Amino acid sequence: MVYFRNDYKTKAKYGPKKHVVYSKYFREALQHIDGLLENGPNLDREVKKVTRGVNESTLMKISACSNNTIKGLAKISKNRGTGLETIKKSYDCT
């Protein structure tokens, strides 16, 4: 499955993003949802609805702390369109 993302906060700096997902479980899960995240002006509000109150920033911190190697953080940086320095400064796991 390929997901293209063209509209996000730092798109001017990082450009369009292409995400390739190989997980068959993810693909199957997507077949059971429709309109889970609506394309609206407040993605954080939509994420909170889906995750029962967990916001995007908290999910990002969880992801950064779970993948806190240089390789893991570089992958997050590339996929999210956030610089490594920003991740280091804004999502401290200590």
C-alpha atoms as a PDB file:
ATOM      1  CA  MET A   1       0.000   0.000   0.000  1.00  0.00           C
ATOM      2  CA  VAL A   2       1.294   3.461  -0.845  1.00  0.00           C
ATOM      3  CA  TYR A   3       0.146   6.612   0.950  1.00  0.00           C
ATOM      4  CA  PHE A   4       1.002  10.016  -0.506  1.00  0.00           C
ATOM      5  CA  ARG A   5       0.912  13.047   1.791  1.00  0.00           C
ATOM      6  CA  ASN A   6       1.030  16.470   0.172  1.00  0.00           C
ATOM      7  CA  ASP A   7      -0.527  18.725   2.795  1.00  0.00           C
ATOM      8  CA  TYR A   8       1.176  19.034   6.180  1.00  0.00           C
ATOM      9  CA  LYS A   9       2.716  21.769   8.309  1.00  0.00           C
ATOM     10  CA  THR A  10       6.298  21.625   6.997  1.00  0.00           C
ATOM     11  CA  LYS A  11       5.499  20.681   3.385  1.00  0.00           C
ATOM     12  CA  ALA A  12       7.281  23.777   2.046  1.00  0.00           C
ATOM     13  CA  LYS A  13      10.566  22.567   3.548  1.00  0.00           C
ATOM     14  CA  TYR A  14      10.296  18.778   3.080  1.00  0.00           C
ATOM     15  CA  GLY A  15       7.982  18.452   0.062  1.00  0.00           C
ATOM     16  CA  PRO A  16       5.504  15.638  -0.639  1.00  0.00           C
ATOM     17  CA  LYS A  17       5.856  12.453   1.394  1.00  0.00           C
ATOM     18  CA  LYS A  18       5.433   8.916   0.085  1.00  0.00           C
ATOM     19  CA  HIS A  19       4.874   6.155   2.630  1.00  0.00           C
ATOM     20  CA  VAL A  20       4.983   2.493   1.607  1.00  0.00           C
ATOM     21  CA  VAL A  21       3.271   0.148   4.078  1.00  0.00           C
ATOM     22  CA  TYR A  22       3.929  -3.571   3.721  1.00  0.00           C
ATOM     23  CA  SER A  23       1.911  -4.858   6.674  1.00  0.00           C
ATOM     24  CA  LYS A  24      -0.968  -7.110   5.647  1.00  0.00           C
ATOM     25  CA  TYR A  25      -2.586  -6.420   9.041  1.00  0.00           C
ATOM     26  CA  PHE A  26      -2.584  -2.697   8.357  1.00  0.00           C
ATOM     27  CA  ARG A  27      -4.068  -3.248   4.901  1.00  0.00           C
ATOM     28  CA  GLU A  28      -6.800  -5.476   6.353  1.00  0.00           C
ATOM     29  CA  ALA A  29      -7.563  -2.944   9.095  1.00  0.00           C
ATOM     30  CA  LEU A  30      -8.010  -0.200   6.509  1.00  0.00           C
ATOM     31  CA  GLN A  31     -10.655  -2.280   4.782  1.00  0.00           C
ATOM     32  CA  HIS A  32     -12.794  -2.069   7.935  1.00  0.00           C
ATOM     33  CA  ILE A  33     -12.721   1.678   8.428  1.00  0.00           C
ATOM     34  CA  ASP A  34     -14.302   4.432   6.431  1.00  0.00           C
ATOM     35  CA  GLY A  35     -13.899   8.104   7.180  1.00  0.00           C
ATOM     36  CA  LEU A  36     -12.001   7.499  10.425  1.00  0.00           C
ATOM     37  CA  LEU A  37      -9.871  10.596   9.966  1.00  0.00           C
ATOM     38  CA  GLU A  38     -11.686  13.319   8.090  1.00  0.00           C
ATOM     39  CA  ASN A  39      -9.615  15.855   6.177  1.00  0.00           C
ATOM     40  CA  GLY A  40     -10.429  18.975   8.134  1.00  0.00           C
ATOM     41  CA  PRO A  41      -8.780  22.044   9.587  1.00  0.00           C
ATOM     42  CA  ASN A  42      -7.889  20.435  12.916  1.00  0.00           C
ATOM     43  CA  LEU A  43      -6.140  17.077  12.554  1.00  0.00           C
ATOM     44  CA  ASP A  44      -5.236  17.028  16.259  1.00  0.00           C
ATOM     45  CA  ARG A  45      -8.937  17.032  17.166  1.00  0.00           C
ATOM     46  CA  GLU A  46      -9.569  14.159  14.731  1.00  0.00           C
ATOM     47  CA  VAL A  47      -6.654  12.156  16.180  1.00  0.00           C
ATOM     48  CA  LYS A  48      -8.017  12.678  19.709  1.00  0.00           C
ATOM     49  CA  LYS A  49     -11.413  11.325  18.644  1.00  0.00           C
ATOM     50  CA  VAL A  50      -9.852   8.175  17.200  1.00  0.00           C
ATOM     51  CA  THR A  51      -7.426   7.585  20.103  1.00  0.00           C
ATOM     52  CA  ARG A  52      -9.840   8.404  22.942  1.00  0.00           C
ATOM     53  CA  GLY A  53      -8.110  11.637  23.915  1.00  0.00           C
ATOM     54  CA  VAL A  54      -4.442  11.024  23.081  1.00  0.00           C
ATOM     55  CA  ASN A  55      -3.182  13.918  20.987  1.00  0.00           C
ATOM     56  CA  GLU A  56      -0.777  13.884  18.052  1.00  0.00           C
ATOM     57  CA  SER A  57       2.057  15.355  20.108  1.00  0.00           C
ATOM     58  CA  THR A  58       1.829  12.564  22.688  1.00  0.00           C
ATOM     59  CA  LEU A  59       1.762   9.937  19.937  1.00  0.00           C
ATOM     60  CA  MET A  60       4.869  11.540  18.460  1.00  0.00           C
ATOM     61  CA  LYS A  61       6.658  11.425  21.825  1.00  0.00           C
ATOM     62  CA  ILE A  62       5.727   7.754  22.236  1.00  0.00           C
ATOM     63  CA  SER A  63       7.065   7.033  18.760  1.00  0.00           C
ATOM     64  CA  ALA A  64      10.292   8.975  19.358  1.00  0.00           C
ATOM     65  CA  CYS A  65      10.918   7.313  22.720  1.00  0.00           C
ATOM     66  CA  SER A  66      10.219   3.851  21.289  1.00  0.00           C
ATOM     67  CA  ASN A  67      12.623   4.407  18.391  1.00  0.00           C
ATOM     68  CA  ASN A  68      15.311   6.445  20.144  1.00  0.00           C
ATOM     69  CA  THR A  69      18.251   5.337  18.028  1.00  0.00           C
ATOM     70  CA  ILE A  70      19.755   7.608  15.391  1.00  0.00           C
ATOM     71  CA  LYS A  71      18.383   5.328  12.670  1.00  0.00           C
ATOM     72  CA  GLY A  72      14.925   5.211  14.259  1.00  0.00           C
ATOM     73  CA  LEU A  73      14.728   8.965  14.803  1.00  0.00           C
ATOM     74  CA  ALA A  74      16.037   9.626  11.277  1.00  0.00           C
ATOM     75  CA  LYS A  75      13.216   7.484   9.892  1.00  0.00           C
ATOM     76  CA  ILE A  76      10.647   9.371  11.994  1.00  0.00           C
ATOM     77  CA  SER A  77      12.179  12.661  10.848  1.00  0.00           C
ATOM     78  CA  LYS A  78      11.946  11.688   7.194  1.00  0.00           C
ATOM     79  CA  ASN A  79       8.416  10.269   7.427  1.00  0.00           C
ATOM     80  CA  ARG A  80       7.007  13.088   9.514  1.00  0.00           C
ATOM     81  CA  GLY A  81       8.811  16.004   7.913  1.00  0.00           C
ATOM     82  CA  THR A  82      10.380  17.147  11.165  1.00  0.00           C
ATOM     83  CA  GLY A  83      14.067  17.907  11.599  1.00  0.00           C
ATOM     84  CA  LEU A  84      16.149  15.753  13.937  1.00  0.00           C
ATOM     85  CA  GLU A  85      17.037  18.819  15.992  1.00  0.00           C
ATOM     86  CA  THR A  86      13.333  19.606  16.464  1.00  0.00           C
ATOM     87  CA  ILE A  87      12.641  16.028  17.562  1.00  0.00           C
ATOM     88  CA  LYS A  88      15.561  16.174  19.991  1.00  0.00           C
ATOM     89  CA  LYS A  89      14.438  19.514  21.437  1.00  0.00           C
ATOM     90  CA  SER A  90      10.670  19.025  21.492  1.00  0.00           C
ATOM     91  CA  TYR A  91      10.270  15.313  22.265  1.00  0.00           C
ATOM     92  CA  ASP A  92      12.776  14.634  25.032  1.00  0.00           C
ATOM     93  CA  CYS A  93      12.294  11.133  26.457  1.00  0.00           C
ATOM     94  CA  THR A  94      14.122  11.603  29.760  1.00  0.00           C
END
